[in-house]
Amino acid sequence: MNYAYILQCADGTFYTGWTNDPEKRLAAHNNGTASKYTRVRRPVSMVYYEAFETKEEAMRREYAIKQLTRQEKLKLIRTKESP
């Protein structure tokens, strides 16, 4: 499985990405090895994810989520069960 996800950073901002191993990716973000953006905004928590069969689907959804406004992301997080 592949996943598009949203992290909430310690400063309240959101980071969107994709992965095929959510637990490992979350650990990498919190270890400071996954992203320059999240490295200085730790700790982060996974507040939303969606599962997909293919990497391409997950990447397309990641892109679509990144185009949303903060308010739209908050609504998305609230309307779908979080991890």
PDB file of N, CA and C in Angstrom:
ATOM      1  N   MET A   1       0.840  -1.184   0.000  1.00  0.00           N
ATOM      2  CA  MET A   1       0.000   0.000   0.000  1.00  0.00           C
ATOM      3  C   MET A   1       0.887   1.250   0.000  1.00  0.00           C
ATOM      4  N   ASN A   2       0.310   2.310  -0.511  1.00  0.00           N
ATOM      5  CA  ASN A   2       0.964   3.617  -0.544  1.00  0.00           C
ATOM      6  C   ASN A   2       0.017   4.619   0.096  1.00  0.00           C
ATOM      7  N   TYR A   3       0.573   5.651   0.686  1.00  0.00           N
ATOM      8  CA  TYR A   3      -0.227   6.573   1.474  1.00  0.00           C
ATOM      9  C   TYR A   3       0.119   8.029   1.166  1.00  0.00           C
ATOM     10  N   ALA A   4      -0.905   8.864   1.121  1.00  0.00           N
ATOM     11  CA  ALA A   4      -0.736  10.313   1.149  1.00  0.00           C
ATOM     12  C   ALA A   4      -1.075  10.702   2.581  1.00  0.00           C
ATOM     13  N   TYR A   5      -0.289  11.626   3.147  1.00  0.00           N
ATOM     14  CA  TYR A   5      -0.493  11.945   4.559  1.00  0.00           C
ATOM     15  C   TYR A   5      -0.300  13.431   4.835  1.00  0.00           C
ATOM     16  N   ILE A   6      -0.851  13.841   5.980  1.00  0.00           N
ATOM     17  CA  ILE A   6      -0.648  15.186   6.484  1.00  0.00           C
ATOM     18  C   ILE A   6      -0.083  15.066   7.891  1.00  0.00           C
ATOM     19  N   LEU A   7       1.009  15.788   8.131  1.00  0.00           N
ATOM     20  CA  LEU A   7       1.586  15.888   9.468  1.00  0.00           C
ATOM     21  C   LEU A   7       1.255  17.252  10.044  1.00  0.00           C
ATOM     22  N   GLN A   8       1.057  17.301  11.346  1.00  0.00           N
ATOM     23  CA  GLN A   8       0.973  18.588  12.017  1.00  0.00           C
ATOM     24  C   GLN A   8       2.273  18.782  12.773  1.00  0.00           C
ATOM     25  N   CYS A   9       2.917  19.894  12.511  1.00  0.00           N
ATOM     26  CA  CYS A   9       4.203  20.211  13.125  1.00  0.00           C
ATOM     27  C   CYS A   9       3.983  20.894  14.476  1.00  0.00           C
ATOM     28  N   ALA A  10       5.047  20.945  15.266  1.00  0.00           N
ATOM     29  CA  ALA A  10       4.975  21.555  16.598  1.00  0.00           C
ATOM     30  C   ALA A  10       4.543  23.010  16.543  1.00  0.00           C
ATOM     31  N   ASP A  11       4.838  23.702  15.447  1.00  0.00           N
ATOM     32  CA  ASP A  11       4.435  25.113  15.326  1.00  0.00           C
ATOM     33  C   ASP A  11       3.020  25.283  14.763  1.00  0.00           C
ATOM     34  N   GLY A  12       2.310  24.163  14.570  1.00  0.00           N
ATOM     35  CA  GLY A  12       0.929  24.224  14.100  1.00  0.00           C
ATOM     36  C   GLY A  12       0.767  24.167  12.591  1.00  0.00           C
ATOM     37  N   THR A  13       1.870  24.203  11.842  1.00  0.00           N
ATOM     38  CA  THR A  13       1.786  24.128  10.387  1.00  0.00           C
ATOM     39  C   THR A  13       1.585  22.680   9.948  1.00  0.00           C
ATOM     40  N   PHE A  14       1.198  22.528   8.684  1.00  0.00           N
ATOM     41  CA  PHE A  14       0.999  21.202   8.116  1.00  0.00           C
ATOM     42  C   PHE A  14       2.073  20.888   7.082  1.00  0.00           C
ATOM     43  N   TYR A  15       2.398  19.614   6.992  1.00  0.00           N
ATOM     44  CA  TYR A  15       3.318  19.108   5.969  1.00  0.00           C
ATOM     45  C   TYR A  15       2.611  17.945   5.296  1.00  0.00           C
ATOM     46  N   THR A  16       2.608  17.914   3.983  1.00  0.00           N
ATOM     47  CA  THR A  16       1.953  16.846   3.230  1.00  0.00           C
ATOM     48  C   THR A  16       2.992  16.053   2.459  1.00  0.00           C
ATOM     49  N   GLY A  17       2.850  14.734   2.458  1.00  0.00           N
ATOM     50  CA  GLY A  17       3.778  13.876   1.734  1.00  0.00           C
ATOM     51  C   GLY A  17       3.129  12.568   1.345  1.00  0.00           C
ATOM     52  N   TRP A  18       3.952  11.649   0.852  1.00  0.00           N
ATOM     53  CA  TRP A  18       3.472  10.307   0.524  1.00  0.00           C
ATOM     54  C   TRP A  18       4.538   9.315   0.963  1.00  0.00           C
ATOM     55  N   THR A  19       4.121   8.083   1.210  1.00  0.00           N
ATOM     56  CA  THR A  19       5.043   7.040   1.658  1.00  0.00           C
ATOM     57  C   THR A  19       4.418   5.671   1.435  1.00  0.00           C
ATOM     58  N   ASN A  20       5.244   4.640   1.554  1.00  0.00           N
ATOM     59  CA  ASN A  20       4.709   3.277   1.539  1.00  0.00           C
ATOM     60  C   ASN A  20       4.852   2.623   2.918  1.00  0.00           C
ATOM     61  N   ASP A  21       5.352   3.393   3.905  1.00  0.00           N
ATOM     62  CA  ASP A  21       5.504   2.904   5.278  1.00  0.00           C
ATOM     63  C   ASP A  21       5.288   4.071   6.247  1.00  0.00           C
ATOM     64  N   PRO A  22       4.043   4.308   6.637  1.00  0.00           N
ATOM     65  CA  PRO A  22       3.726   5.479   7.459  1.00  0.00           C
ATOM     66  C   PRO A  22       4.487   5.549   8.789  1.00  0.00           C
ATOM     67  N   GLU A  23       4.615   4.428   9.479  1.00  0.00           N
ATOM     68  CA  GLU A  23       5.300   4.440  10.767  1.00  0.00           C
ATOM     69  C   GLU A  23       6.770   4.813  10.604  1.00  0.00           C
ATOM     70  N   LYS A  24       7.419   4.214   9.612  1.00  0.00           N
ATOM     71  CA  LYS A  24       8.834   4.498   9.361  1.00  0.00           C
ATOM     72  C   LYS A  24       9.025   5.957   8.927  1.00  0.00           C
ATOM     73  N   ARG A  25       8.126   6.452   8.107  1.00  0.00           N
ATOM     74  CA  ARG A  25       8.238   7.828   7.623  1.00  0.00           C
ATOM     75  C   ARG A  25       8.017   8.824   8.766  1.00  0.00           C
ATOM     76  N   LEU A  26       7.050   8.561   9.626  1.00  0.00           N
ATOM     77  CA  LEU A  26       6.805   9.434  10.775  1.00  0.00           C
ATOM     78  C   LEU A  26       8.036   9.458  11.682  1.00  0.00           C
ATOM     79  N   ALA A  27       8.632   8.302  11.916  1.00  0.00           N
ATOM     80  CA  ALA A  27       9.850   8.237  12.728  1.00  0.00           C
ATOM     81  C   ALA A  27      10.974   9.036  12.078  1.00  0.00           C
ATOM     82  N   ALA A  28      11.114   8.939  10.767  1.00  0.00           N
ATOM     83  CA  ALA A  28      12.155   9.680  10.054  1.00  0.00           C
ATOM     84  C   ALA A  28      11.932  11.191  10.191  1.00  0.00           C
ATOM     85  N   HIS A  29      10.683  11.623  10.093  1.00  0.00           N
ATOM     86  CA  HIS A  29      10.380  13.052  10.278  1.00  0.00           C
ATOM     87  C   HIS A  29      10.768  13.486  11.696  1.00  0.00           C
ATOM     88  N   ASN A  30      10.420  12.675  12.680  1.00  0.00           N
ATOM     89  CA  ASN A  30      10.714  13.050  14.061  1.00  0.00           C
ATOM     90  C   ASN A  30      12.190  12.907  14.414  1.00  0.00           C
ATOM     91  N   ASN A  31      12.934  12.124  13.647  1.00  0.00           N
ATOM     92  CA  ASN A  31      14.386  12.023  13.832  1.00  0.00           C
ATOM     93  C   ASN A  31      15.128  13.131  13.099  1.00  0.00           C
ATOM     94  N   GLY A  32      14.410  13.878  12.260  1.00  0.00           N
ATOM     95  CA  GLY A  32      15.018  14.984  11.531  1.00  0.00           C
ATOM     96  C   GLY A  32      15.695  14.574  10.239  1.00  0.00           C
ATOM     97  N   THR A  33      15.386  13.384   9.727  1.00  0.00           N
ATOM     98  CA  THR A  33      16.049  12.886   8.522  1.00  0.00           C
ATOM     99  C   THR A  33      15.152  12.819   7.293  1.00  0.00           C
ATOM    100  N   ALA A  34      13.908  13.264   7.409  1.00  0.00           N
ATOM    101  CA  ALA A  34      12.976  13.105   6.293  1.00  0.00           C
ATOM    102  C   ALA A  34      12.777  14.363   5.465  1.00  0.00           C
ATOM    103  N   SER A  35      12.857  15.526   6.086  1.00  0.00           N
ATOM    104  CA  SER A  35      12.502  16.760   5.384  1.00  0.00           C
ATOM    105  C   SER A  35      13.137  17.952   6.075  1.00  0.00           C
ATOM    106  N   LYS A  36      13.649  18.876   5.280  1.00  0.00           N
ATOM    107  CA  LYS A  36      14.184  20.118   5.851  1.00  0.00           C
ATOM    108  C   LYS A  36      13.078  20.892   6.565  1.00  0.00           C
ATOM    109  N   TYR A  37      11.885  20.861   5.985  1.00  0.00           N
ATOM    110  CA  TYR A  37      10.769  21.618   6.556  1.00  0.00           C
ATOM    111  C   TYR A  37      10.432  21.114   7.959  1.00  0.00           C
ATOM    112  N   THR A  38      10.293  19.800   8.119  1.00  0.00           N
ATOM    113  CA  THR A  38       9.888  19.275   9.424  1.00  0.00           C
ATOM    114  C   THR A  38      11.048  19.194  10.413  1.00  0.00           C
ATOM    115  N   ARG A  39      12.271  19.191   9.932  1.00  0.00           N
ATOM    116  CA  ARG A  39      13.447  19.065  10.809  1.00  0.00           C
ATOM    117  C   ARG A  39      13.450  20.126  11.905  1.00  0.00           C
ATOM    118  N   VAL A  40      13.062  21.345  11.558  1.00  0.00           N
ATOM    119  CA  VAL A  40      13.082  22.442  12.538  1.00  0.00           C
ATOM    120  C   VAL A  40      11.715  22.668  13.192  1.00  0.00           C
ATOM    121  N   ARG A  41      10.757  21.792  12.914  1.00  0.00           N
ATOM    122  CA  ARG A  41       9.403  21.954  13.459  1.00  0.00           C
ATOM    123  C   ARG A  41       8.958  20.708  14.226  1.00  0.00           C
ATOM    124  N   ARG A  42       9.907  20.003  14.780  1.00  0.00           N
ATOM    125  CA  ARG A  42       9.601  18.781  15.515  1.00  0.00           C
ATOM    126  C   ARG A  42       9.147  19.097  16.933  1.00  0.00           C
ATOM    127  N   PRO A  43       8.374  18.187  17.539  1.00  0.00           N
ATOM    128  CA  PRO A  43       7.911  16.925  16.985  1.00  0.00           C
ATOM    129  C   PRO A  43       6.719  17.123  16.051  1.00  0.00           C
ATOM    130  N   VAL A  44       6.510  16.137  15.203  1.00  0.00           N
ATOM    131  CA  VAL A  44       5.369  16.147  14.291  1.00  0.00           C
ATOM    132  C   VAL A  44       4.479  14.962  14.607  1.00  0.00           C
ATOM    133  N   SER A  45       3.208  15.073  14.265  1.00  0.00           N
ATOM    134  CA  SER A  45       2.282  13.956  14.433  1.00  0.00           C
ATOM    135  C   SER A  45       1.471  13.789  13.161  1.00  0.00           C
ATOM    136  N   MET A  46       1.164  12.542  12.848  1.00  0.00           N
ATOM    137  CA  MET A  46       0.370  12.252  11.654  1.00  0.00           C
ATOM    138  C   MET A  46      -1.092  12.455  12.014  1.00  0.00           C
ATOM    139  N   VAL A  47      -1.729  13.409  11.356  1.00  0.00           N
ATOM    140  CA  VAL A  47      -3.117  13.733  11.678  1.00  0.00           C
ATOM    141  C   VAL A  47      -4.097  13.259  10.610  1.00  0.00           C
ATOM    142  N   TYR A  48      -3.570  12.764   9.483  1.00  0.00           N
ATOM    143  CA  TYR A  48      -4.448  12.343   8.386  1.00  0.00           C
ATOM    144  C   TYR A  48      -3.661  11.480   7.413  1.00  0.00           C
ATOM    145  N   TYR A  49      -4.321  10.469   6.865  1.00  0.00           N
ATOM    146  CA  TYR A  49      -3.729   9.707   5.768  1.00  0.00           C
ATOM    147  C   TYR A  49      -4.807   9.024   4.948  1.00  0.00           C
ATOM    148  N   GLU A  50      -4.478   8.717   3.728  1.00  0.00           N
ATOM    149  CA  GLU A  50      -5.337   7.952   2.828  1.00  0.00           C
ATOM    150  C   GLU A  50      -4.478   6.872   2.186  1.00  0.00           C
ATOM    151  N   ALA A  51      -5.044   5.684   1.984  1.00  0.00           N
ATOM    152  CA  ALA A  51      -4.320   4.567   1.391  1.00  0.00           C
ATOM    153  C   ALA A  51      -4.652   4.422  -0.092  1.00  0.00           C
ATOM    154  N   PHE A  52      -3.647   4.024  -0.877  1.00  0.00           N
ATOM    155  CA  PHE A  52      -3.794   3.835  -2.320  1.00  0.00           C
ATOM    156  C   PHE A  52      -3.044   2.580  -2.753  1.00  0.00           C
ATOM    157  N   GLU A  53      -3.502   1.987  -3.828  1.00  0.00           N
ATOM    158  CA  GLU A  53      -2.842   0.793  -4.368  1.00  0.00           C
ATOM    159  C   GLU A  53      -1.487   1.112  -4.983  1.00  0.00           C
ATOM    160  N   THR A  54      -1.385   2.241  -5.667  1.00  0.00           N
ATOM    161  CA  THR A  54      -0.144   2.529  -6.391  1.00  0.00           C
ATOM    162  C   THR A  54       0.531   3.807  -5.876  1.00  0.00           C
ATOM    163  N   LYS A  55       1.824   3.857  -6.104  1.00  0.00           N
ATOM    164  CA  LYS A  55       2.622   5.037  -5.766  1.00  0.00           C
ATOM    165  C   LYS A  55       2.108   6.262  -6.514  1.00  0.00           C
ATOM    166  N   GLU A  56       1.760   6.071  -7.775  1.00  0.00           N
ATOM    167  CA  GLU A  56       1.291   7.182  -8.606  1.00  0.00           C
ATOM    168  C   GLU A  56       0.009   7.789  -8.054  1.00  0.00           C
ATOM    169  N   GLU A  57      -0.912   6.951  -7.590  1.00  0.00           N
ATOM    170  CA  GLU A  57      -2.159   7.463  -7.002  1.00  0.00           C
ATOM    171  C   GLU A  57      -1.870   8.281  -5.742  1.00  0.00           C
ATOM    172  N   ALA A  58      -0.987   7.762  -4.908  1.00  0.00           N
ATOM    173  CA  ALA A  58      -0.634   8.458  -3.671  1.00  0.00           C
ATOM    174  C   ALA A  58       0.028   9.797  -3.981  1.00  0.00           C
ATOM    175  N   MET A  59       0.901   9.819  -4.971  1.00  0.00           N
ATOM    176  CA  MET A  59       1.590  11.052  -5.350  1.00  0.00           C
ATOM    177  C   MET A  59       0.614  12.079  -5.927  1.00  0.00           C
ATOM    178  N   ARG A  60      -0.364  11.606  -6.707  1.00  0.00           N
ATOM    179  CA  ARG A  60      -1.382  12.523  -7.242  1.00  0.00           C
ATOM    180  C   ARG A  60      -2.217  13.128  -6.116  1.00  0.00           C
ATOM    181  N   ARG A  61      -2.566  12.294  -5.145  1.00  0.00           N
ATOM    182  CA  ARG A  61      -3.361  12.793  -4.020  1.00  0.00           C
ATOM    183  C   ARG A  61      -2.537  13.751  -3.159  1.00  0.00           C
ATOM    184  N   GLU A  62      -1.265  13.446  -2.957  1.00  0.00           N
ATOM    185  CA  GLU A  62      -0.378  14.355  -2.230  1.00  0.00           C
ATOM    186  C   GLU A  62      -0.394  15.734  -2.899  1.00  0.00           C
ATOM    187  N   TYR A  63      -0.236  15.756  -4.208  1.00  0.00           N
ATOM    188  CA  TYR A  63      -0.244  17.017  -4.943  1.00  0.00           C
ATOM    189  C   TYR A  63      -1.569  17.750  -4.749  1.00  0.00           C
ATOM    190  N   ALA A  64      -2.679  17.016  -4.841  1.00  0.00           N
ATOM    191  CA  ALA A  64      -4.004  17.631  -4.690  1.00  0.00           C
ATOM    192  C   ALA A  64      -4.169  18.227  -3.289  1.00  0.00           C
ATOM    193  N   ILE A  65      -3.713  17.513  -2.270  1.00  0.00           N
ATOM    194  CA  ILE A  65      -3.816  18.017  -0.901  1.00  0.00           C
ATOM    195  C   ILE A  65      -2.968  19.273  -0.733  1.00  0.00           C
ATOM    196  N   LYS A  66      -1.789  19.281  -1.341  1.00  0.00           N
ATOM    197  CA  LYS A  66      -0.913  20.451  -1.233  1.00  0.00           C
ATOM    198  C   LYS A  66      -1.540  21.703  -1.850  1.00  0.00           C
ATOM    199  N   GLN A  67      -2.470  21.531  -2.758  1.00  0.00           N
ATOM    200  CA  GLN A  67      -3.140  22.666  -3.393  1.00  0.00           C
ATOM    201  C   GLN A  67      -4.252  23.242  -2.530  1.00  0.00           C
ATOM    202  N   LEU A  68      -4.656  22.532  -1.481  1.00  0.00           N
ATOM    203  CA  LEU A  68      -5.739  22.991  -0.608  1.00  0.00           C
ATOM    204  C   LEU A  68      -5.266  24.118   0.302  1.00  0.00           C
ATOM    205  N   THR A  69      -6.194  24.941   0.701  1.00  0.00           N
ATOM    206  CA  THR A  69      -5.891  25.974   1.690  1.00  0.00           C
ATOM    207  C   THR A  69      -5.792  25.317   3.066  1.00  0.00           C
ATOM    208  N   ARG A  70      -5.274  26.049   4.010  1.00  0.00           N
ATOM    209  CA  ARG A  70      -5.189  25.530   5.383  1.00  0.00           C
ATOM    210  C   ARG A  70      -6.584  25.163   5.907  1.00  0.00           C
ATOM    211  N   GLN A  71      -7.569  26.008   5.642  1.00  0.00           N
ATOM    212  CA  GLN A  71      -8.931  25.739   6.100  1.00  0.00           C
ATOM    213  C   GLN A  71      -9.484  24.461   5.467  1.00  0.00           C
ATOM    214  N   GLU A  72      -9.202  24.252   4.191  1.00  0.00           N
ATOM    215  CA  GLU A  72      -9.659  23.033   3.513  1.00  0.00           C
ATOM    216  C   GLU A  72      -8.968  21.804   4.084  1.00  0.00           C
ATOM    217  N   LYS A  73      -7.698  21.932   4.426  1.00  0.00           N
ATOM    218  CA  LYS A  73      -6.980  20.807   5.053  1.00  0.00           C
ATOM    219  C   LYS A  73      -7.566  20.496   6.419  1.00  0.00           C
ATOM    220  N   LEU A  74      -7.876  21.536   7.199  1.00  0.00           N
ATOM    221  CA  LEU A  74      -8.489  21.315   8.507  1.00  0.00           C
ATOM    222  C   LEU A  74      -9.829  20.598   8.373  1.00  0.00           C
ATOM    223  N   LYS A  75     -10.608  20.994   7.392  1.00  0.00           N
ATOM    224  CA  LYS A  75     -11.895  20.341   7.156  1.00  0.00           C
ATOM    225  C   LYS A  75     -11.688  18.880   6.766  1.00  0.00           C
ATOM    226  N   LEU A  76     -10.713  18.609   5.909  1.00  0.00           N
ATOM    227  CA  LEU A  76     -10.393  17.251   5.495  1.00  0.00           C
ATOM    228  C   LEU A  76     -10.002  16.403   6.705  1.00  0.00           C
ATOM    229  N   ILE A  77      -9.164  16.952   7.558  1.00  0.00           N
ATOM    230  CA  ILE A  77      -8.717  16.238   8.755  1.00  0.00           C
ATOM    231  C   ILE A  77      -9.898  15.939   9.674  1.00  0.00           C
ATOM    232  N   ARG A  78     -10.793  16.900   9.826  1.00  0.00           N
ATOM    233  CA  ARG A  78     -11.945  16.733  10.710  1.00  0.00           C
ATOM    234  C   ARG A  78     -12.974  15.735  10.172  1.00  0.00           C
ATOM    235  N   THR A  79     -13.104  15.645   8.849  1.00  0.00           N
ATOM    236  CA  THR A  79     -14.174  14.809   8.279  1.00  0.00           C
ATOM    237  C   THR A  79     -13.772  13.370   8.055  1.00  0.00           C
ATOM    238  N   LYS A  80     -12.494  13.069   8.145  1.00  0.00           N
ATOM    239  CA  LYS A  80     -12.064  11.683   7.954  1.00  0.00           C
ATOM    240  C   LYS A  80     -11.411  11.203   9.236  1.00  0.00           C
ATOM    241  N   GLU A  81     -11.650   9.965   9.585  1.00  0.00           N
ATOM    242  CA  GLU A  81     -11.039   9.420  10.795  1.00  0.00           C
ATOM    243  C   GLU A  81      -9.537   9.465  10.686  1.00  0.00           C
ATOM    244  N   SER A  82      -8.886   9.981  11.699  1.00  0.00           N
ATOM    245  CA  SER A  82      -7.431  10.106  11.717  1.00  0.00           C
ATOM    246  C   SER A  82      -6.808   8.861  12.330  1.00  0.00           C
ATOM    247  N   PRO A  83      -5.491   8.687  12.109  1.00  0.00           N
ATOM    248  CA  PRO A  83      -4.803   7.500  12.658  1.00  0.00           C
ATOM    249  C   PRO A  83      -4.784   7.490  14.165  1.00  0.00           C
TER     250      PRO A  83
END
